[in-house]
PDB file of N, CA and C in Angstrom:
ATOM      1  N   MET A   1      89.556  30.031 166.198  1.00  0.00           N
ATOM      2  CA  MET A   1      90.313  30.017 167.441  1.00  0.00           C
ATOM      3  C   MET A   1      91.414  28.964 167.387  1.00  0.00           C
ATOM      4  N   ARG A   2      91.082  27.786 166.853  1.00  0.00           N
ATOM      5  CA  ARG A   2      92.095  26.728 166.748  1.00  0.00           C
ATOM      6  C   ARG A   2      93.252  27.153 165.864  1.00  0.00           C
ATOM      7  N   ALA A   3      92.925  27.871 164.800  1.00  0.00           N
ATOM      8  CA  ALA A   3      93.978  28.335 163.882  1.00  0.00           C
ATOM      9  C   ALA A   3      94.929  29.283 164.607  1.00  0.00           C
ATOM     10  N   LEU A   4      94.386  30.145 165.453  1.00  0.00           N
ATOM     11  CA  LEU A   4      95.205  31.079 166.213  1.00  0.00           C
ATOM     12  C   LEU A   4      96.115  30.335 167.186  1.00  0.00           C
ATOM     13  N   VAL A   5      95.582  29.369 167.901  1.00  0.00           N
ATOM     14  CA  VAL A   5      96.366  28.577 168.844  1.00  0.00           C
ATOM     15  C   VAL A   5      97.448  27.797 168.097  1.00  0.00           C
ATOM     16  N   PHE A   6      97.099  27.231 166.953  1.00  0.00           N
ATOM     17  CA  PHE A   6      98.055  26.479 166.142  1.00  0.00           C
ATOM     18  C   PHE A   6      99.186  27.388 165.660  1.00  0.00           C
ATOM     19  N   ALA A   7      98.830  28.573 165.171  1.00  0.00           N
ATOM     20  CA  ALA A   7      99.826  29.523 164.674  1.00  0.00           C
ATOM     21  C   ALA A   7     100.749  29.977 165.807  1.00  0.00           C
ATOM     22  N   LEU A   8     100.184  30.221 166.970  1.00  0.00           N
ATOM     23  CA  LEU A   8     100.982  30.612 168.124  1.00  0.00           C
ATOM     24  C   LEU A   8     101.935  29.490 168.511  1.00  0.00           C
ATOM     25  N   GLY A   9     101.450  28.262 168.493  1.00  0.00           N
ATOM     26  CA  GLY A   9     102.298  27.109 168.801  1.00  0.00           C
ATOM     27  C   GLY A   9     103.448  26.979 167.825  1.00  0.00           C
ATOM     28  N   LEU A  10     103.182  27.177 166.551  1.00  0.00           N
ATOM     29  CA  LEU A  10     104.243  27.119 165.538  1.00  0.00           C
ATOM     30  C   LEU A  10     105.277  28.215 165.746  1.00  0.00           C
ATOM     31  N   ALA A  11     104.812  29.401 166.050  1.00  0.00           N
ATOM     32  CA  ALA A  11     105.721  30.520 166.272  1.00  0.00           C
ATOM     33  C   ALA A  11     106.625  30.254 167.471  1.00  0.00           C
ATOM     34  N   LEU A  12     106.052  29.748 168.554  1.00  0.00           N
ATOM     35  CA  LEU A  12     106.847  29.437 169.741  1.00  0.00           C
ATOM     36  C   LEU A  12     107.838  28.315 169.464  1.00  0.00           C
ATOM     37  N   ALA A  13     107.438  27.313 168.727  1.00  0.00           N
ATOM     38  CA  ALA A  13     108.337  26.212 168.378  1.00  0.00           C
ATOM     39  C   ALA A  13     109.482  26.714 167.516  1.00  0.00           C
ATOM     40  N   ALA A  14     109.196  27.600 166.589  1.00  0.00           N
ATOM     41  CA  ALA A  14     110.242  28.144 165.724  1.00  0.00           C
ATOM     42  C   ALA A  14     111.222  28.982 166.525  1.00  0.00           C
ATOM     43  N   ALA A  15     110.728  29.787 167.445  1.00  0.00           N
ATOM     44  CA  ALA A  15     111.605  30.604 168.281  1.00  0.00           C
ATOM     45  C   ALA A  15     112.473  29.734 169.166  1.00  0.00           C
ATOM     46  N   SER A  16     111.900  28.693 169.717  1.00  0.00           N
ATOM     47  CA  SER A  16     112.649  27.777 170.574  1.00  0.00           C
ATOM     48  C   SER A  16     113.729  27.057 169.781  1.00  0.00           C
ATOM     49  N   ALA A  17     113.392  26.580 168.598  1.00  0.00           N
ATOM     50  CA  ALA A  17     114.364  25.876 167.765  1.00  0.00           C
ATOM     51  C   ALA A  17     115.483  26.818 167.341  1.00  0.00           C
ATOM     52  N   HIS A  18     115.147  28.074 167.083  1.00  0.00           N
ATOM     53  CA  HIS A  18     116.140  29.048 166.657  1.00  0.00           C
ATOM     54  C   HIS A  18     117.166  29.293 167.759  1.00  0.00           C
ATOM     55  N   ALA A  19     116.725  29.343 169.007  1.00  0.00           N
ATOM     56  CA  ALA A  19     117.629  29.574 170.130  1.00  0.00           C
ATOM     57  C   ALA A  19     118.544  28.378 170.358  1.00  0.00           C
ATOM     58  N   GLU A  20     118.191  27.227 169.800  1.00  0.00           N
ATOM     59  CA  GLU A  20     118.998  26.027 169.959  1.00  0.00           C
ATOM     60  C   GLU A  20     120.207  26.015 169.033  1.00  0.00           C
ATOM     61  N   THR A  21     120.310  26.966 168.117  1.00  0.00           N
ATOM     62  CA  THR A  21     121.457  27.040 167.227  1.00  0.00           C
ATOM     63  C   THR A  21     122.691  27.373 168.050  1.00  0.00           C
ATOM     64  N   ILE A  22     123.677  26.465 168.042  1.00  0.00           N
ATOM     65  CA  ILE A  22     124.905  26.671 168.812  1.00  0.00           C
ATOM     66  C   ILE A  22     126.019  27.048 167.852  1.00  0.00           C
ATOM     67  N   ILE A  23     126.675  28.154 168.142  1.00  0.00           N
ATOM     68  CA  ILE A  23     127.752  28.649 167.282  1.00  0.00           C
ATOM     69  C   ILE A  23     129.000  28.910 168.111  1.00  0.00           C
ATOM     70  N   ALA A  24     130.140  28.969 167.440  1.00  0.00           N
ATOM     71  CA  ALA A  24     131.399  29.344 168.088  1.00  0.00           C
ATOM     72  C   ALA A  24     131.463  30.864 168.211  1.00  0.00           C
ATOM     73  N   ALA A  25     132.223  31.337 169.188  1.00  0.00           N
ATOM     74  CA  ALA A  25     132.372  32.777 169.399  1.00  0.00           C
ATOM     75  C   ALA A  25     132.844  33.478 168.130  1.00  0.00           C
ATOM     76  N   ALA A  26     133.760  32.858 167.402  1.00  0.00           N
ATOM     77  CA  ALA A  26     134.299  33.465 166.184  1.00  0.00           C
ATOM     78  C   ALA A  26     133.243  33.631 165.089  1.00  0.00           C
ATOM     79  N   ASP A  27     132.172  32.841 165.155  1.00  0.00           N
ATOM     80  CA  ASP A  27     131.114  32.916 164.145  1.00  0.00           C
ATOM     81  C   ASP A  27     130.000  33.889 164.510  1.00  0.00           C
ATOM     82  N   ALA A  28     130.037  34.457 165.694  1.00  0.00           N
ATOM     83  CA  ALA A  28     128.965  35.347 166.158  1.00  0.00           C
ATOM     84  C   ALA A  28     128.697  36.537 165.229  1.00  0.00           C
ATOM     85  N   PRO A  29     129.720  37.146 164.598  1.00  0.00           N
ATOM     86  CA  PRO A  29     129.410  38.283 163.708  1.00  0.00           C
ATOM     87  C   PRO A  29     128.478  37.913 162.554  1.00  0.00           C
ATOM     88  N   LYS A  30     128.472  36.654 162.147  1.00  0.00           N
ATOM     89  CA  LYS A  30     127.608  36.212 161.050  1.00  0.00           C
ATOM     90  C   LYS A  30     126.156  36.033 161.499  1.00  0.00           C
ATOM     91  N   HIS A  31     125.906  36.146 162.818  1.00  0.00           N
ATOM     92  CA  HIS A  31     124.572  35.875 163.356  1.00  0.00           C
ATOM     93  C   HIS A  31     123.951  37.079 164.057  1.00  0.00           C
ATOM     94  N   VAL A  32     124.451  38.278 163.759  1.00  0.00           N
ATOM     95  CA  VAL A  32     123.871  39.496 164.345  1.00  0.00           C
ATOM     96  C   VAL A  32     122.405  39.564 163.939  1.00  0.00           C
ATOM     97  N   GLY A  33     121.559  39.825 164.914  1.00  0.00           N
ATOM     98  CA  GLY A  33     120.122  39.898 164.681  1.00  0.00           C
ATOM     99  C   GLY A  33     119.411  38.579 164.900  1.00  0.00           C
ATOM    100  N   GLU A  34     120.169  37.516 165.133  1.00  0.00           N
ATOM    101  CA  GLU A  34     119.584  36.199 165.367  1.00  0.00           C
ATOM    102  C   GLU A  34     119.687  35.849 166.856  1.00  0.00           C
ATOM    103  N   THR A  35     118.798  34.974 167.309  1.00  0.00           N
ATOM    104  CA  THR A  35     118.869  34.451 168.663  1.00  0.00           C
ATOM    105  C   THR A  35     119.550  33.093 168.580  1.00  0.00           C
ATOM    106  N   VAL A  36     120.710  32.992 169.218  1.00  0.00           N
ATOM    107  CA  VAL A  36     121.534  31.788 169.149  1.00  0.00           C
ATOM    108  C   VAL A  36     122.152  31.513 170.518  1.00  0.00           C
ATOM    109  N   THR A  37     122.895  30.412 170.596  1.00  0.00           N
ATOM    110  CA  THR A  37     123.721  30.103 171.758  1.00  0.00           C
ATOM    111  C   THR A  37     125.166  30.139 171.305  1.00  0.00           C
ATOM    112  N   VAL A  38     125.959  30.988 171.935  1.00  0.00           N
ATOM    113  CA  VAL A  38     127.378  31.089 171.629  1.00  0.00           C
ATOM    114  C   VAL A  38     128.127  30.236 172.649  1.00  0.00           C
ATOM    115  N   GLU A  39     128.937  29.305 172.142  1.00  0.00           N
ATOM    116  CA  GLU A  39     129.694  28.416 173.026  1.00  0.00           C
ATOM    117  C   GLU A  39     131.178  28.690 172.868  1.00  0.00           C
ATOM    118  N   GLY A  40     131.866  28.780 174.002  1.00  0.00           N
ATOM    119  CA  GLY A  40     133.302  29.010 173.952  1.00  0.00           C
ATOM    120  C   GLY A  40     133.912  29.078 175.332  1.00  0.00           C
ATOM    121  N   THR A  41     135.238  29.183 175.335  1.00  0.00           N
ATOM    122  CA  THR A  41     135.980  29.319 176.587  1.00  0.00           C
ATOM    123  C   THR A  41     136.066  30.793 176.941  1.00  0.00           C
ATOM    124  N   VAL A  42     135.770  31.106 178.189  1.00  0.00           N
ATOM    125  CA  VAL A  42     135.827  32.493 178.656  1.00  0.00           C
ATOM    126  C   VAL A  42     137.292  32.897 178.819  1.00  0.00           C
ATOM    127  N   SER A  43     137.684  33.904 178.065  1.00  0.00           N
ATOM    128  CA  SER A  43     139.053  34.414 178.107  1.00  0.00           C
ATOM    129  C   SER A  43     139.274  35.337 179.304  1.00  0.00           C
ATOM    130  N   ALA A  44     138.268  36.145 179.618  1.00  0.00           N
ATOM    131  CA  ALA A  44     138.392  37.102 180.713  1.00  0.00           C
ATOM    132  C   ALA A  44     137.010  37.586 181.129  1.00  0.00           C
ATOM    133  N   VAL A  45     136.900  37.957 182.399  1.00  0.00           N
ATOM    134  CA  VAL A  45     135.696  38.609 182.923  1.00  0.00           C
ATOM    135  C   VAL A  45     136.181  39.867 183.626  1.00  0.00           C
ATOM    136  N   HIS A  46     135.630  41.009 183.245  1.00  0.00           N
ATOM    137  CA  HIS A  46     136.036  42.255 183.897  1.00  0.00           C
ATOM    138  C   HIS A  46     134.845  43.187 184.022  1.00  0.00           C
ATOM    139  N   THR A  47     134.875  43.987 185.080  1.00  0.00           N
ATOM    140  CA  THR A  47     133.813  44.956 185.337  1.00  0.00           C
ATOM    141  C   THR A  47     134.396  46.347 185.217  1.00  0.00           C
ATOM    142  N   GLU A  48     133.770  47.166 184.417  1.00  0.00           N
ATOM    143  CA  GLU A  48     134.183  48.554 184.237  1.00  0.00           C
ATOM    144  C   GLU A  48     133.858  49.307 185.519  1.00  0.00           C
ATOM    145  N   PRO A  49     134.868  49.859 186.194  1.00  0.00           N
ATOM    146  CA  PRO A  49     134.636  50.508 187.494  1.00  0.00           C
ATOM    147  C   PRO A  49     133.642  51.672 187.456  1.00  0.00           C
ATOM    148  N   ARG A  50     133.691  52.483 186.420  1.00  0.00           N
ATOM    149  CA  ARG A  50     132.811  53.666 186.373  1.00  0.00           C
ATOM    150  C   ARG A  50     131.359  53.305 186.103  1.00  0.00           C
ATOM    151  N   SER A  51     131.131  52.387 185.171  1.00  0.00           N
ATOM    152  CA  SER A  51     129.754  52.076 184.773  1.00  0.00           C
ATOM    153  C   SER A  51     129.163  50.895 185.526  1.00  0.00           C
ATOM    154  N   GLY A  52     130.026  50.018 186.062  1.00  0.00           N
ATOM    155  CA  GLY A  52     129.546  48.814 186.725  1.00  0.00           C
ATOM    156  C   GLY A  52     129.121  47.724 185.759  1.00  0.00           C
ATOM    157  N   VAL A  53     129.384  47.908 184.455  1.00  0.00           N
ATOM    158  CA  VAL A  53     129.036  46.914 183.439  1.00  0.00           C
ATOM    159  C   VAL A  53     130.096  45.814 183.459  1.00  0.00           C
ATOM    160  N   THR A  54     129.630  44.559 183.445  1.00  0.00           N
ATOM    161  CA  THR A  54     130.529  43.401 183.436  1.00  0.00           C
ATOM    162  C   THR A  54     130.568  42.818 182.042  1.00  0.00           C
ATOM    163  N   PHE A  55     131.776  42.474 181.609  1.00  0.00           N
ATOM    164  CA  PHE A  55     132.003  41.919 180.285  1.00  0.00           C
ATOM    165  C   PHE A  55     132.587  40.519 180.412  1.00  0.00           C
ATOM    166  N   ILE A  56     132.003  39.576 179.687  1.00  0.00           N
ATOM    167  CA  ILE A  56     132.490  38.197 179.639  1.00  0.00           C
ATOM    168  C   ILE A  56     133.029  38.004 178.226  1.00  0.00           C
ATOM    169  N   ASP A  57     134.354  37.981 178.105  1.00  0.00           N
ATOM    170  CA  ASP A  57     134.993  37.884 176.797  1.00  0.00           C
ATOM    171  C   ASP A  57     135.282  36.440 176.414  1.00  0.00           C
ATOM    172  N   MET A  58     135.043  36.118 175.144  1.00  0.00           N
ATOM    173  CA  MET A  58     135.390  34.818 174.565  1.00  0.00           C
ATOM    174  C   MET A  58     136.244  35.070 173.332  1.00  0.00           C
ATOM    175  N   GLY A  59     137.145  34.144 173.066  1.00  0.00           N
ATOM    176  CA  GLY A  59     137.963  34.264 171.860  1.00  0.00           C
ATOM    177  C   GLY A  59     138.963  35.386 171.934  1.00  0.00           C
ATOM    178  N   GLY A  60     139.529  35.610 173.097  1.00  0.00           N
ATOM    179  CA  GLY A  60     140.511  36.677 173.297  1.00  0.00           C
ATOM    180  C   GLY A  60     140.060  37.650 174.359  1.00  0.00           C
ATOM    181  N   ARG A  61     140.983  38.492 174.745  1.00  0.00           N
ATOM    182  CA  ARG A  61     140.709  39.523 175.747  1.00  0.00           C
ATOM    183  C   ARG A  61     140.449  40.860 175.063  1.00  0.00           C
ATOM    184  N   TYR A  62     139.662  41.701 175.729  1.00  0.00           N
ATOM    185  CA  TYR A  62     139.392  43.037 175.227  1.00  0.00           C
ATOM    186  C   TYR A  62     140.714  43.745 174.955  1.00  0.00           C
ATOM    187  N   PRO A  63     140.878  44.382 173.837  1.00  0.00           N
ATOM    188  CA  PRO A  63     139.921  44.731 172.788  1.00  0.00           C
ATOM    189  C   PRO A  63     139.899  43.740 171.611  1.00  0.00           C
ATOM    190  N   ASP A  64     140.566  42.608 171.772  1.00  0.00           N
ATOM    191  CA  ASP A  64     140.679  41.654 170.664  1.00  0.00           C
ATOM    192  C   ASP A  64     139.750  40.449 170.796  1.00  0.00           C
ATOM    193  N   GLN A  65     138.739  40.524 171.637  1.00  0.00           N
ATOM    194  CA  GLN A  65     137.814  39.407 171.835  1.00  0.00           C
ATOM    195  C   GLN A  65     136.971  39.171 170.595  1.00  0.00           C
ATOM    196  N   ALA A  66     136.558  37.911 170.403  1.00  0.00           N
ATOM    197  CA  ALA A  66     135.681  37.569 169.280  1.00  0.00           C
ATOM    198  C   ALA A  66     134.218  37.834 169.619  1.00  0.00           C
ATOM    199  N   PHE A  67     133.887  37.740 170.925  1.00  0.00           N
ATOM    200  CA  PHE A  67     132.496  37.847 171.371  1.00  0.00           C
ATOM    201  C   PHE A  67     132.484  38.275 172.827  1.00  0.00           C
ATOM    202  N   THR A  68     131.406  38.982 173.220  1.00  0.00           N
ATOM    203  CA  THR A  68     131.261  39.424 174.608  1.00  0.00           C
ATOM    204  C   THR A  68     129.837  39.213 175.102  1.00  0.00           C
ATOM    205  N   GLY A  69     129.719  38.673 176.322  1.00  0.00           N
ATOM    206  CA  GLY A  69     128.466  38.666 177.059  1.00  0.00           C
ATOM    207  C   GLY A  69     128.482  39.893 177.946  1.00  0.00           C
ATOM    208  N   VAL A  70     127.407  40.649 177.992  1.00  0.00           N
ATOM    209  CA  VAL A  70     127.370  41.924 178.720  1.00  0.00           C
ATOM    210  C   VAL A  70     126.304  41.871 179.807  1.00  0.00           C
ATOM    211  N   ILE A  71     126.724  42.226 181.032  1.00  0.00           N
ATOM    212  CA  ILE A  71     125.798  42.302 182.164  1.00  0.00           C
ATOM    213  C   ILE A  71     125.799  43.737 182.675  1.00  0.00           C
ATOM    214  N   PHE A  72     124.656  44.401 182.569  1.00  0.00           N
ATOM    215  CA  PHE A  72     124.564  45.768 183.057  1.00  0.00           C
ATOM    216  C   PHE A  72     124.466  45.785 184.582  1.00  0.00           C
ATOM    217  N   LYS A  73     124.876  46.887 185.166  1.00  0.00           N
ATOM    218  CA  LYS A  73     124.959  47.041 186.620  1.00  0.00           C
ATOM    219  C   LYS A  73     123.658  46.640 187.324  1.00  0.00           C
ATOM    220  N   GLY A  74     122.522  46.997 186.767  1.00  0.00           N
ATOM    221  CA  GLY A  74     121.228  46.691 187.376  1.00  0.00           C
ATOM    222  C   GLY A  74     120.929  45.202 187.461  1.00  0.00           C
ATOM    223  N   ASP A  75     121.600  44.411 186.635  1.00  0.00           N
ATOM    224  CA  ASP A  75     121.380  42.963 186.631  1.00  0.00           C
ATOM    225  C   ASP A  75     122.524  42.193 187.283  1.00  0.00           C
ATOM    226  N   ALA A  76     123.561  42.882 187.717  1.00  0.00           N
ATOM    227  CA  ALA A  76     124.771  42.227 188.245  1.00  0.00           C
ATOM    228  C   ALA A  76     124.479  41.294 189.417  1.00  0.00           C
ATOM    229  N   SER A  77     123.547  41.642 190.274  1.00  0.00           N
ATOM    230  CA  SER A  77     123.251  40.807 191.444  1.00  0.00           C
ATOM    231  C   SER A  77     122.663  39.451 191.054  1.00  0.00           C
ATOM    232  N   LYS A  78     122.146  39.339 189.842  1.00  0.00           N
ATOM    233  CA  LYS A  78     121.595  38.073 189.364  1.00  0.00           C
ATOM    234  C   LYS A  78     122.688  37.079 188.967  1.00  0.00           C
ATOM    235  N   PHE A  79     123.925  37.568 188.850  1.00  0.00           N
ATOM    236  CA  PHE A  79     125.040  36.760 188.370  1.00  0.00           C
ATOM    237  C   PHE A  79     126.178  36.748 189.387  1.00  0.00           C
ATOM    238  N   PRO A  80     125.958  36.126 190.557  1.00  0.00           N
ATOM    239  CA  PRO A  80     127.026  36.096 191.566  1.00  0.00           C
ATOM    240  C   PRO A  80     128.192  35.236 191.075  1.00  0.00           C
ATOM    241  N   ASN A  81     129.383  35.596 191.469  1.00  0.00           N
ATOM    242  CA  ASN A  81     130.602  34.845 191.141  1.00  0.00           C
ATOM    243  C   ASN A  81     130.848  34.702 189.646  1.00  0.00           C
ATOM    244  N   VAL A  82     130.412  35.675 188.860  1.00  0.00           N
ATOM    245  CA  VAL A  82     130.607  35.605 187.411  1.00  0.00           C
ATOM    246  C   VAL A  82     132.093  35.552 187.055  1.00  0.00           C
ATOM    247  N   GLU A  83     132.945  36.108 187.912  1.00  0.00           N
ATOM    248  CA  GLU A  83     134.385  36.100 187.662  1.00  0.00           C
ATOM    249  C   GLU A  83     134.940  34.681 187.616  1.00  0.00           C
ATOM    250  N   SER A  84     134.258  33.744 188.265  1.00  0.00           N
ATOM    251  CA  SER A  84     134.716  32.353 188.298  1.00  0.00           C
ATOM    252  C   SER A  84     134.576  31.657 186.940  1.00  0.00           C
ATOM    253  N   LEU A  85     133.951  32.309 185.975  1.00  0.00           N
ATOM    254  CA  LEU A  85     133.775  31.713 184.648  1.00  0.00           C
ATOM    255  C   LEU A  85     135.059  31.733 183.820  1.00  0.00           C
ATOM    256  N   THR A  86     136.032  32.556 184.199  1.00  0.00           N
ATOM    257  CA  THR A  86     137.276  32.649 183.438  1.00  0.00           C
ATOM    258  C   THR A  86     137.911  31.276 183.285  1.00  0.00           C
ATOM    259  N   GLY A  87     138.204  30.920 182.033  1.00  0.00           N
ATOM    260  CA  GLY A  87     138.831  29.642 181.722  1.00  0.00           C
ATOM    261  C   GLY A  87     137.863  28.496 181.515  1.00  0.00           C
ATOM    262  N   LYS A  88     136.590  28.726 181.770  1.00  0.00           N
ATOM    263  CA  LYS A  88     135.587  27.663 181.631  1.00  0.00           C
ATOM    264  C   LYS A  88     134.882  27.757 180.280  1.00  0.00           C
ATOM    265  N   VAL A  89     134.397  26.618 179.802  1.00  0.00           N
ATOM    266  CA  VAL A  89     133.580  26.591 178.590  1.00  0.00           C
ATOM    267  C   VAL A  89     132.142  26.862 179.006  1.00  0.00           C
ATOM    268  N   VAL A  90     131.537  27.857 178.363  1.00  0.00           N
ATOM    269  CA  VAL A  90     130.164  28.241 178.686  1.00  0.00           C
ATOM    270  C   VAL A  90     129.341  28.415 177.420  1.00  0.00           C
ATOM    271  N   ASP A  91     128.032  28.350 177.594  1.00  0.00           N
ATOM    272  CA  ASP A  91     127.066  28.696 176.565  1.00  0.00           C
ATOM    273  C   ASP A  91     126.390  29.988 176.999  1.00  0.00           C
ATOM    274  N   ILE A  92     126.318  30.955 176.106  1.00  0.00           N
ATOM    275  CA  ILE A  92     125.599  32.200 176.355  1.00  0.00           C
ATOM    276  C   ILE A  92     124.526  32.318 175.280  1.00  0.00           C
ATOM    277  N   ALA A  93     123.269  32.411 175.709  1.00  0.00           N
ATOM    278  CA  ALA A  93     122.146  32.406 174.770  1.00  0.00           C
ATOM    279  C   ALA A  93     121.433  33.750 174.746  1.00  0.00           C
ATOM    280  N   GLY A  94     120.966  34.100 173.540  1.00  0.00           N
ATOM    281  CA  GLY A  94     120.187  35.321 173.385  1.00  0.00           C
ATOM    282  C   GLY A  94     120.390  35.910 172.013  1.00  0.00           C
ATOM    283  N   PRO A  95     119.771  37.056 171.772  1.00  0.00           N
ATOM    284  CA  PRO A  95     119.944  37.724 170.485  1.00  0.00           C
ATOM    285  C   PRO A  95     121.325  38.376 170.389  1.00  0.00           C
ATOM    286  N   VAL A  96     121.971  38.195 169.259  1.00  0.00           N
ATOM    287  CA  VAL A  96     123.303  38.770 169.032  1.00  0.00           C
ATOM    288  C   VAL A  96     123.131  40.190 168.495  1.00  0.00           C
ATOM    289  N   HIS A  97     123.831  41.130 169.138  1.00  0.00           N
ATOM    290  CA  HIS A  97     123.835  42.532 168.733  1.00  0.00           C
ATOM    291  C   HIS A  97     125.245  42.909 168.304  1.00  0.00           C
ATOM    292  N   ASP A  98     125.337  43.916 167.473  1.00  0.00           N
ATOM    293  CA  ASP A  98     126.637  44.462 167.102  1.00  0.00           C
ATOM    294  C   ASP A  98     126.849  45.739 167.908  1.00  0.00           C
ATOM    295  N   TYR A  99     127.977  45.817 168.591  1.00  0.00           N
ATOM    296  CA  TYR A  99     128.326  47.042 169.322  1.00  0.00           C
ATOM    297  C   TYR A  99     129.728  47.447 168.897  1.00  0.00           C
ATOM    298  N   LYS A 100     129.804  48.514 168.138  1.00  0.00           N
ATOM    299  CA  LYS A 100     131.072  49.040 167.639  1.00  0.00           C
ATOM    300  C   LYS A 100     131.884  47.969 166.926  1.00  0.00           C
ATOM    301  N   GLY A 101     131.199  47.182 166.095  1.00  0.00           N
ATOM    302  CA  GLY A 101     131.877  46.184 165.289  1.00  0.00           C
ATOM    303  C   GLY A 101     132.152  44.861 165.973  1.00  0.00           C
ATOM    304  N   LYS A 102     131.697  44.699 167.209  1.00  0.00           N
ATOM    305  CA  LYS A 102     131.904  43.456 167.953  1.00  0.00           C
ATOM    306  C   LYS A 102     130.547  42.854 168.319  1.00  0.00           C
ATOM    307  N   PRO A 103     130.415  41.525 168.187  1.00  0.00           N
ATOM    308  CA  PRO A 103     129.157  40.881 168.552  1.00  0.00           C
ATOM    309  C   PRO A 103     129.038  40.703 170.060  1.00  0.00           C
ATOM    310  N   GLU A 104     127.817  40.866 170.558  1.00  0.00           N
ATOM    311  CA  GLU A 104     127.578  40.693 171.990  1.00  0.00           C
ATOM    312  C   GLU A 104     126.154  40.219 172.225  1.00  0.00           C
ATOM    313  N   ILE A 105     125.961  39.611 173.390  1.00  0.00           N
ATOM    314  CA  ILE A 105     124.629  39.253 173.875  1.00  0.00           C
ATOM    315  C   ILE A 105     124.472  39.913 175.233  1.00  0.00           C
ATOM    316  N   ILE A 106     123.362  40.615 175.425  1.00  0.00           N
ATOM    317  CA  ILE A 106     123.048  41.249 176.701  1.00  0.00           C
ATOM    318  C   ILE A 106     122.450  40.179 177.608  1.00  0.00           C
ATOM    319  N   LEU A 107     122.996  40.055 178.809  1.00  0.00           N
ATOM    320  CA  LEU A 107     122.535  39.056 179.775  1.00  0.00           C
ATOM    321  C   LEU A 107     121.716  39.738 180.865  1.00  0.00           C
ATOM    322  N   ASN A 108     120.472  39.298 181.024  1.00  0.00           N
ATOM    323  CA  ASN A 108     119.636  39.833 182.095  1.00  0.00           C
ATOM    324  C   ASN A 108     118.919  38.720 182.857  1.00  0.00           C
ATOM    325  N   ASP A 109     119.221  37.466 182.495  1.00  0.00           N
ATOM    326  CA  ASP A 109     118.624  36.310 183.150  1.00  0.00           C
ATOM    327  C   ASP A 109     119.709  35.248 183.309  1.00  0.00           C
ATOM    328  N   PRO A 110     119.932  34.754 184.527  1.00  0.00           N
ATOM    329  CA  PRO A 110     120.976  33.747 184.736  1.00  0.00           C
ATOM    330  C   PRO A 110     120.807  32.494 183.874  1.00  0.00           C
ATOM    331  N   ALA A 111     119.602  32.213 183.414  1.00  0.00           N
ATOM    332  CA  ALA A 111     119.361  31.059 182.548  1.00  0.00           C
ATOM    333  C   ALA A 111     120.043  31.214 181.194  1.00  0.00           C
ATOM    334  N   GLN A 112     120.510  32.425 180.865  1.00  0.00           N
ATOM    335  CA  GLN A 112     121.186  32.655 179.599  1.00  0.00           C
ATOM    336  C   GLN A 112     122.621  32.119 179.590  1.00  0.00           C
ATOM    337  N   ILE A 113     123.169  31.813 180.765  1.00  0.00           N
ATOM    338  CA  ILE A 113     124.540  31.288 180.845  1.00  0.00           C
ATOM    339  C   ILE A 113     124.494  29.887 181.425  1.00  0.00           C
ATOM    340  N   LYS A 114     125.173  28.983 180.737  1.00  0.00           N
ATOM    341  CA  LYS A 114     125.312  27.610 181.233  1.00  0.00           C
ATOM    342  C   LYS A 114     126.768  27.219 181.153  1.00  0.00           C
ATOM    343  N   THR A 115     127.304  26.707 182.252  1.00  0.00           N
ATOM    344  CA  THR A 115     128.671  26.222 182.282  1.00  0.00           C
ATOM    345  C   THR A 115     128.684  24.781 181.804  1.00  0.00           C
ATOM    346  N   LYS A 116     129.649  24.456 180.965  1.00  0.00           N
ATOM    347  CA  LYS A 116     129.763  23.087 180.438  1.00  0.00           C
ATOM    348  C   LYS A 116     130.574  22.230 181.369  1.00  0.00           C
TER     349      LYS A 116
END
């Protein structure tokens, strides 16, 4: 039983330490599949009218952004005033995914975004 608790503790510590990796938006493509924190200045925040999906772009504006934080319509109410992030330095944490050649992190918890 102790071995199981110890192994679980190690696994949780490793996952926590992994999420502490802070990278620049431009480096996000090198970290697809990893859980990291992407730090950068928000270039633009826009919501697609048809889908209700909100995009937080870093390192340029769509379609030339280096990285995007994505908030789906069902989670939008958890992120009030997200438009106010434009021009601010933020940290976005979570697993990096590739979507059509661009790195992104799906945001479903407000704790994933921290303003600097």
